[in-house]
Amino acid sequence: GPEWRTKYMVGATVALQTYLAIALRETSWPVFLTVIYLVGATANHSLFLAIHEWSHNLGFKHPRSNQLGSILANLPIGIPYAATFKPYHMDHHRNQGVHGVDTDIAHPVEARIIQNRTPLKALYFFLQLAFYALRPTFIKPPPVTRMVVLNFAAQVAYDAAMLYCYGWNAVLYLLLSTFVCGSFHPTAGHFLSEHLEVVEGVETYSYYGPLNYVTYNVGYHNEHHDFPYVPWSRLPVVRRIASEYYDTIPQCASWCGIIWNYVASPNLGAYSRVKRTRRIAATERINPNDNVGDGTIDRAILSQDKKDM
């Protein structure tokens, strides 16, 4: 059910980002950029993940309230995003890895260009949010709904007000916070840690480190996919209840570490995702390491792969 605290946390984050955008508009560039990296990017990434929470209707009792709350959370991000995110994200949950449906995986053209080349992987990760924003429009252009129009109008009004009242630097603070939060920033590691196929056949991983405190526990990703209507605050409880399952499958130990491994390792790249050409039944075995068909993997394989992560 809904988590009542999220709306207050989002409101505080929106207020913080608006205040910093105004307060820092005439500061020195070293201070400006440092605050963007340490505070602004962290705050905007938190807002992205609040929108993720509310796409599951986990902030308010009524779906429309979650949509409106997401539009509010979107404001400091600077680019309208909230209204189009939900349908793509629901497809990701219902048809994870299915070609042409799950826009979370790289398009074949992207994968052929990037492959496992370290310089191109670094460039890809540096510009990651641009790929995430543009890829769905090529694969499945979003319909224009009333909420999309409202999201666009609210965002333009907020950006225009910031520009008119406080100048370009206030808007630049918000846009750079958004750019940095999806690039080489610790919180951006969750984009990789969630579904990068580090262990063959294992497509979803959880991270239980301290960055969950500023990202609405998105690191509890196996738990989230198993129970997508459990809010962020109760995902640790899910893990404790089913610890015999979640503690015996591969995990991501570090979001910074997975960024480094993705860029530097010749064994990881754009093709390191479990991809399906068709929808499958929930009972169909797809994990080649599930030697007995019980949903787990061989302990020897697990021990070795945990060392590699």
Protein backbone atom coordinates (compact mmCIF):
# COMPACT_ATOMS: atom_id res chain seq x y z
CA GLY A 1 0.00 0.00 0.00
CA PRO A 2 0.96 3.68 -0.15
CA GLU A 3 3.82 5.09 1.92
CA TRP A 4 2.61 8.38 3.43
CA ARG A 5 6.10 9.77 4.13
CA THR A 6 7.16 9.90 0.48
CA LYS A 7 5.21 13.04 -0.37
CA TYR A 8 6.88 14.99 2.44
CA MET A 9 10.32 13.77 1.41
CA VAL A 10 9.62 14.76 -2.19
CA GLY A 11 8.30 18.16 -1.13
CA ALA A 12 11.44 18.80 0.91
CA THR A 13 13.68 17.73 -1.99
CA VAL A 14 11.85 19.94 -4.48
CA ALA A 15 12.14 22.88 -2.07
CA LEU A 16 15.85 22.17 -1.49
CA GLN A 17 16.65 22.06 -5.20
CA THR A 18 14.66 25.20 -5.94
CA TYR A 19 16.42 27.01 -3.08
CA LEU A 20 19.89 25.89 -4.17
CA ALA A 21 19.23 26.85 -7.79
CA ILE A 22 18.41 30.36 -6.59
CA ALA A 23 21.09 30.65 -3.90
CA LEU A 24 23.99 29.42 -6.05
CA ARG A 25 23.29 31.40 -9.21
CA GLU A 26 26.03 33.95 -8.48
CA THR A 27 28.55 31.72 -6.70
CA SER A 28 31.95 30.71 -8.07
CA TRP A 29 32.17 27.90 -10.61
CA PRO A 30 34.15 25.53 -8.32
CA VAL A 31 31.50 25.85 -5.58
CA PHE A 32 28.67 25.68 -8.13
CA LEU A 33 29.94 22.45 -9.69
CA THR A 34 30.88 20.85 -6.36
CA VAL A 35 27.40 21.41 -4.92
CA ILE A 36 25.86 20.07 -8.12
CA TYR A 37 27.84 16.83 -7.85
CA LEU A 38 27.47 16.26 -4.12
CA VAL A 39 23.96 17.60 -3.48
CA GLY A 40 22.11 18.50 -6.68
CA ALA A 41 22.73 15.27 -8.55
CA THR A 42 21.90 13.18 -5.48
CA ALA A 43 18.69 15.12 -4.91
CA ASN A 44 17.54 14.89 -8.53
CA HIS A 45 18.31 11.18 -8.66
CA SER A 46 16.19 10.80 -5.56
CA LEU A 47 13.36 12.59 -7.37
CA PHE A 48 13.69 10.26 -10.36
CA LEU A 49 13.21 7.33 -8.01
CA ALA A 50 10.31 8.96 -6.21
CA ILE A 51 8.63 9.13 -9.63
CA HIS A 52 9.46 5.45 -9.99
CA GLU A 53 7.73 4.74 -6.67
CA TRP A 54 4.66 6.69 -7.69
CA SER A 55 4.47 4.96 -11.06
CA HIS A 56 3.46 1.95 -8.94
CA ASN A 57 0.83 4.05 -7.12
CA LEU A 58 2.77 3.75 -3.88
CA GLY A 59 2.53 7.35 -2.69
CA PHE A 60 -1.21 8.00 -2.57
CA LYS A 61 -4.38 5.93 -2.49
CA HIS A 62 -5.66 7.21 -5.85
CA PRO A 63 -3.74 6.75 -9.13
CA ARG A 64 -4.42 10.33 -10.24
CA SER A 65 -2.82 11.68 -7.06
CA ASN A 66 0.29 9.65 -7.79
CA GLN A 67 0.41 11.10 -11.31
CA LEU A 68 0.07 14.66 -10.03
CA GLY A 69 2.66 14.05 -7.33
CA SER A 70 5.06 12.75 -9.97
CA ILE A 71 4.64 15.96 -11.96
CA LEU A 72 5.58 17.93 -8.84
CA ALA A 73 8.63 15.73 -8.28
CA ASN A 74 9.60 16.26 -11.91
CA LEU A 75 9.98 20.05 -11.59
CA PRO A 76 13.65 20.32 -10.46
CA ILE A 77 14.63 17.70 -13.06
CA GLY A 78 14.03 20.40 -15.66
CA ILE A 79 12.75 18.16 -18.46
CA PRO A 80 9.18 16.72 -18.57
CA TYR A 81 9.45 13.01 -17.92
CA ALA A 82 7.04 11.77 -15.26
CA ALA A 83 3.90 11.22 -17.35
CA THR A 84 5.61 9.14 -20.03
CA PHE A 85 7.68 7.08 -17.59
CA LYS A 86 4.88 4.97 -16.13
CA PRO A 87 3.70 3.08 -19.26
CA TYR A 88 7.27 2.24 -20.24
CA HIS A 89 8.07 1.10 -16.72
CA MET A 90 5.00 -1.11 -16.49
CA ASP A 91 6.09 -2.79 -19.74
CA HIS A 92 9.49 -3.37 -18.16
CA HIS A 93 7.86 -5.19 -15.23
CA ARG A 94 5.40 -7.22 -17.27
CA ASN A 95 7.75 -8.12 -20.12
CA GLN A 96 11.26 -7.78 -18.79
CA GLY A 97 13.86 -8.21 -21.51
CA VAL A 98 11.35 -8.77 -24.31
CA HIS A 99 12.62 -7.26 -27.55
CA GLY A 100 10.56 -4.31 -28.72
CA VAL A 101 8.58 -4.12 -25.46
CA ASP A 102 11.08 -3.52 -22.66
CA THR A 103 12.79 -0.24 -23.55
CA ASP A 104 15.16 -0.61 -20.60
CA ILE A 105 17.50 -2.74 -22.74
CA ALA A 106 19.80 -1.34 -25.41
CA HIS A 107 18.49 -1.10 -28.96
CA PRO A 108 20.36 -3.45 -31.35
CA VAL A 109 21.93 -0.44 -33.08
CA GLU A 110 23.26 0.82 -29.73
CA ALA A 111 24.61 -2.59 -28.84
CA ARG A 112 26.37 -3.08 -32.18
CA ILE A 113 28.12 0.28 -31.85
CA ILE A 114 29.08 0.07 -28.18
CA GLN A 115 29.69 -3.69 -27.78
CA ASN A 116 32.41 -4.21 -25.12
CA ARG A 117 34.67 -1.32 -26.15
CA THR A 118 35.86 0.56 -23.05
CA PRO A 119 35.97 4.08 -24.58
CA LEU A 120 32.48 3.69 -26.04
CA LYS A 121 31.12 2.19 -22.82
CA ALA A 122 32.53 5.18 -20.93
CA LEU A 123 30.94 7.59 -23.42
CA TYR A 124 27.66 5.68 -23.23
CA PHE A 125 27.58 5.86 -19.45
CA PHE A 126 28.53 9.54 -19.50
CA LEU A 127 25.50 10.24 -21.74
CA GLN A 128 23.31 7.52 -20.25
CA LEU A 129 20.20 9.61 -19.53
CA ALA A 130 20.09 10.79 -23.13
CA PHE A 131 19.90 7.17 -24.28
CA TYR A 132 17.22 6.39 -21.70
CA ALA A 133 15.19 9.41 -22.78
CA LEU A 134 15.49 8.95 -26.54
CA ARG A 135 15.40 5.16 -26.90
CA PRO A 136 11.68 4.73 -26.07
CA THR A 137 10.67 7.42 -28.58
CA PHE A 138 12.24 5.36 -31.37
CA ILE A 139 10.99 1.96 -30.18
CA LYS A 140 7.48 2.92 -28.99
CA PRO A 141 6.61 6.62 -29.28
CA PRO A 142 4.44 7.63 -26.31
CA PRO A 143 0.81 8.69 -26.86
CA VAL A 144 -0.05 12.29 -26.06
CA THR A 145 -2.45 12.16 -23.11
CA ARG A 146 -3.84 14.84 -20.83
CA MET A 147 -1.26 13.99 -18.19
CA VAL A 148 1.55 14.29 -20.74
CA VAL A 149 0.26 17.74 -21.72
CA LEU A 150 -0.08 18.76 -18.05
CA ASN A 151 3.41 17.47 -17.28
CA PHE A 152 4.84 19.45 -20.21
CA ALA A 153 2.94 22.62 -19.30
CA ALA A 154 3.90 22.48 -15.61
CA GLN A 155 7.54 21.90 -16.48
CA VAL A 156 7.69 24.75 -18.99
CA ALA A 157 6.00 27.08 -16.48
CA TYR A 158 8.47 26.16 -13.71
CA ASP A 159 11.52 26.47 -15.97
CA ALA A 160 10.28 29.76 -17.41
CA ALA A 161 9.63 31.18 -13.94
CA MET A 162 13.12 30.18 -12.77
CA LEU A 163 14.67 31.69 -15.88
CA TYR A 164 12.67 34.93 -15.73
CA CYS A 165 13.11 35.51 -12.00
CA TYR A 166 16.62 34.18 -11.37
CA GLY A 167 18.43 33.85 -14.70
CA TRP A 168 20.19 31.16 -16.67
CA ASN A 169 22.42 29.92 -13.86
CA ALA A 170 19.42 28.83 -11.80
CA VAL A 171 18.14 26.74 -14.71
CA LEU A 172 21.66 25.49 -15.44
CA TYR A 173 22.00 24.25 -11.85
CA LEU A 174 18.89 22.08 -12.26
CA LEU A 175 19.78 20.75 -15.71
CA LEU A 176 23.37 19.93 -14.74
CA SER A 177 22.11 18.19 -11.59
CA THR A 178 19.97 16.01 -13.84
CA PHE A 179 22.76 15.32 -16.30
CA VAL A 180 25.29 14.43 -13.61
CA CYS A 181 22.90 12.21 -11.64
CA GLY A 182 22.61 9.86 -14.62
CA SER A 183 26.29 9.92 -15.51
CA PHE A 184 29.43 9.08 -13.51
CA HIS A 185 27.74 9.56 -10.15
CA PRO A 186 27.48 6.87 -7.43
CA THR A 187 23.67 6.76 -7.51
CA ALA A 188 23.72 6.08 -11.27
CA GLY A 189 25.22 2.68 -10.53
CA HIS A 190 21.71 1.36 -9.96
CA PHE A 191 21.03 1.56 -13.71
CA LEU A 192 23.66 -1.14 -14.17
CA SER A 193 23.34 -3.10 -10.94
CA GLU A 194 19.67 -3.90 -11.42
CA HIS A 195 19.82 -5.99 -14.60
CA LEU A 196 23.36 -6.19 -15.99
CA GLU A 197 24.00 -9.90 -16.59
CA VAL A 198 27.10 -10.31 -14.43
CA VAL A 199 26.24 -13.94 -13.65
CA GLU A 200 25.09 -15.94 -16.67
CA GLY A 201 21.32 -16.25 -16.76
CA VAL A 202 20.74 -14.08 -13.69
CA GLU A 203 18.98 -10.91 -14.81
CA THR A 204 18.08 -9.05 -11.61
CA TYR A 205 20.31 -8.16 -8.65
CA SER A 206 19.84 -6.39 -5.35
CA TYR A 207 22.18 -3.91 -3.69
CA TYR A 208 21.91 -3.44 0.08
CA GLY A 209 24.41 -0.61 0.64
CA PRO A 210 24.03 2.87 2.15
CA LEU A 211 23.01 4.62 -1.09
CA ASN A 212 19.56 3.10 -0.62
CA TYR A 213 18.96 5.82 1.98
CA VAL A 214 18.84 8.50 -0.75
CA THR A 215 17.25 6.39 -3.50
CA TYR A 216 14.05 5.04 -1.95
CA ASN A 217 15.57 1.57 -1.49
CA VAL A 218 15.69 0.96 -5.24
CA GLY A 219 18.68 -1.28 -4.53
CA TYR A 220 16.25 -3.87 -3.15
CA HIS A 221 15.54 -4.73 -6.75
CA ASN A 222 14.79 -8.44 -6.63
CA GLU A 223 12.38 -7.70 -3.82
CA HIS A 224 10.82 -4.89 -5.86
CA HIS A 225 10.31 -7.06 -8.94
CA ASP A 226 8.85 -9.86 -6.86
CA PHE A 227 6.51 -7.48 -5.00
CA PRO A 228 6.11 -4.33 -7.14
CA TYR A 229 3.27 -2.99 -5.00
CA VAL A 230 5.26 -2.99 -1.77
CA PRO A 231 6.59 0.54 -1.08
CA TRP A 232 10.25 1.36 -0.61
CA SER A 233 9.97 1.52 3.18
CA ARG A 234 8.87 -2.12 3.47
CA LEU A 235 11.27 -3.76 1.02
CA PRO A 236 13.85 -4.45 3.77
CA VAL A 237 11.07 -6.30 5.62
CA VAL A 238 10.44 -8.43 2.53
CA ARG A 239 14.13 -9.32 2.49
CA ARG A 240 14.11 -10.28 6.17
CA ILE A 241 11.01 -12.43 5.80
CA ALA A 242 12.47 -14.31 2.81
CA SER A 243 16.17 -14.10 3.69
CA GLU A 244 16.72 -17.76 2.78
CA TYR A 245 15.91 -16.80 -0.81
CA TYR A 246 17.34 -13.29 -1.21
CA ASP A 247 20.59 -13.92 0.67
CA THR A 248 21.50 -16.92 -1.50
CA ILE A 249 21.34 -15.28 -4.92
CA PRO A 250 23.93 -12.98 -6.54
CA GLN A 251 24.02 -9.43 -5.23
CA CYS A 252 25.71 -6.19 -6.23
CA ALA A 253 28.13 -5.11 -3.51
CA SER A 254 28.83 -1.60 -4.79
CA TRP A 255 27.23 0.80 -7.26
CA CYS A 256 30.57 2.53 -7.80
CA GLY A 257 32.16 -0.87 -8.31
CA ILE A 258 29.64 -1.97 -10.93
CA ILE A 259 30.22 1.27 -12.89
CA TRP A 260 33.95 0.57 -12.92
CA ASN A 261 33.47 -3.08 -13.84
CA TYR A 262 31.08 -2.22 -16.67
CA VAL A 263 33.44 0.29 -18.24
CA ALA A 264 36.70 -1.59 -17.67
CA SER A 265 35.79 -5.27 -17.98
CA PRO A 266 36.02 -6.85 -21.45
CA ASN A 267 33.38 -9.35 -20.32
CA LEU A 268 30.64 -6.76 -19.77
CA GLY A 269 29.01 -4.51 -22.31
CA ALA A 270 25.91 -3.57 -24.24
CA TYR A 271 25.02 -7.23 -24.85
CA SER A 272 25.20 -8.13 -21.14
CA ARG A 273 21.46 -8.36 -20.66
CA VAL A 274 19.03 -11.27 -20.66
CA LYS A 275 16.95 -10.62 -23.77
CA ARG A 276 13.90 -12.47 -25.04
CA THR A 277 12.39 -12.49 -28.48
CA ARG A 278 9.01 -13.58 -27.13
CA ARG A 279 6.95 -13.44 -23.98
CA ILE A 280 7.40 -16.47 -21.72
CA ALA A 281 5.32 -18.19 -19.10
CA ALA A 282 6.20 -17.44 -15.48
CA THR A 283 7.00 -21.14 -14.88
CA GLU A 284 9.40 -21.52 -17.80
CA ARG A 285 12.99 -22.19 -16.79
CA ILE A 286 15.33 -19.60 -18.32
CA ASN A 287 18.35 -19.71 -16.00
CA PRO A 288 21.05 -22.05 -17.34
CA ASN A 289 22.60 -22.26 -13.85
CA ASP A 290 19.35 -23.53 -12.29
CA ASN A 291 20.46 -27.13 -12.29
CA VAL A 292 17.44 -28.58 -10.55
CA GLY A 293 14.74 -26.26 -11.82
CA ASP A 294 13.89 -24.84 -8.40
CA GLY A 295 14.66 -21.18 -9.11
CA THR A 296 18.10 -21.22 -7.45
CA ILE A 297 21.59 -21.56 -8.91
CA ASP A 298 24.44 -23.91 -8.17
CA ARG A 299 26.26 -22.86 -4.97
CA ALA A 300 29.73 -23.35 -6.52
CA ILE A 301 28.82 -21.03 -9.39
CA LEU A 302 27.36 -18.51 -6.95
CA SER A 303 30.49 -18.50 -4.78
CA GLN A 304 32.78 -17.92 -7.76
CA ASP A 305 30.63 -15.21 -9.29
CA LYS A 306 30.28 -13.34 -6.00
CA LYS A 307 34.10 -13.12 -5.94
CA ASP A 308 34.06 -11.73 -9.48
CA MET A 309 31.52 -9.01 -8.56
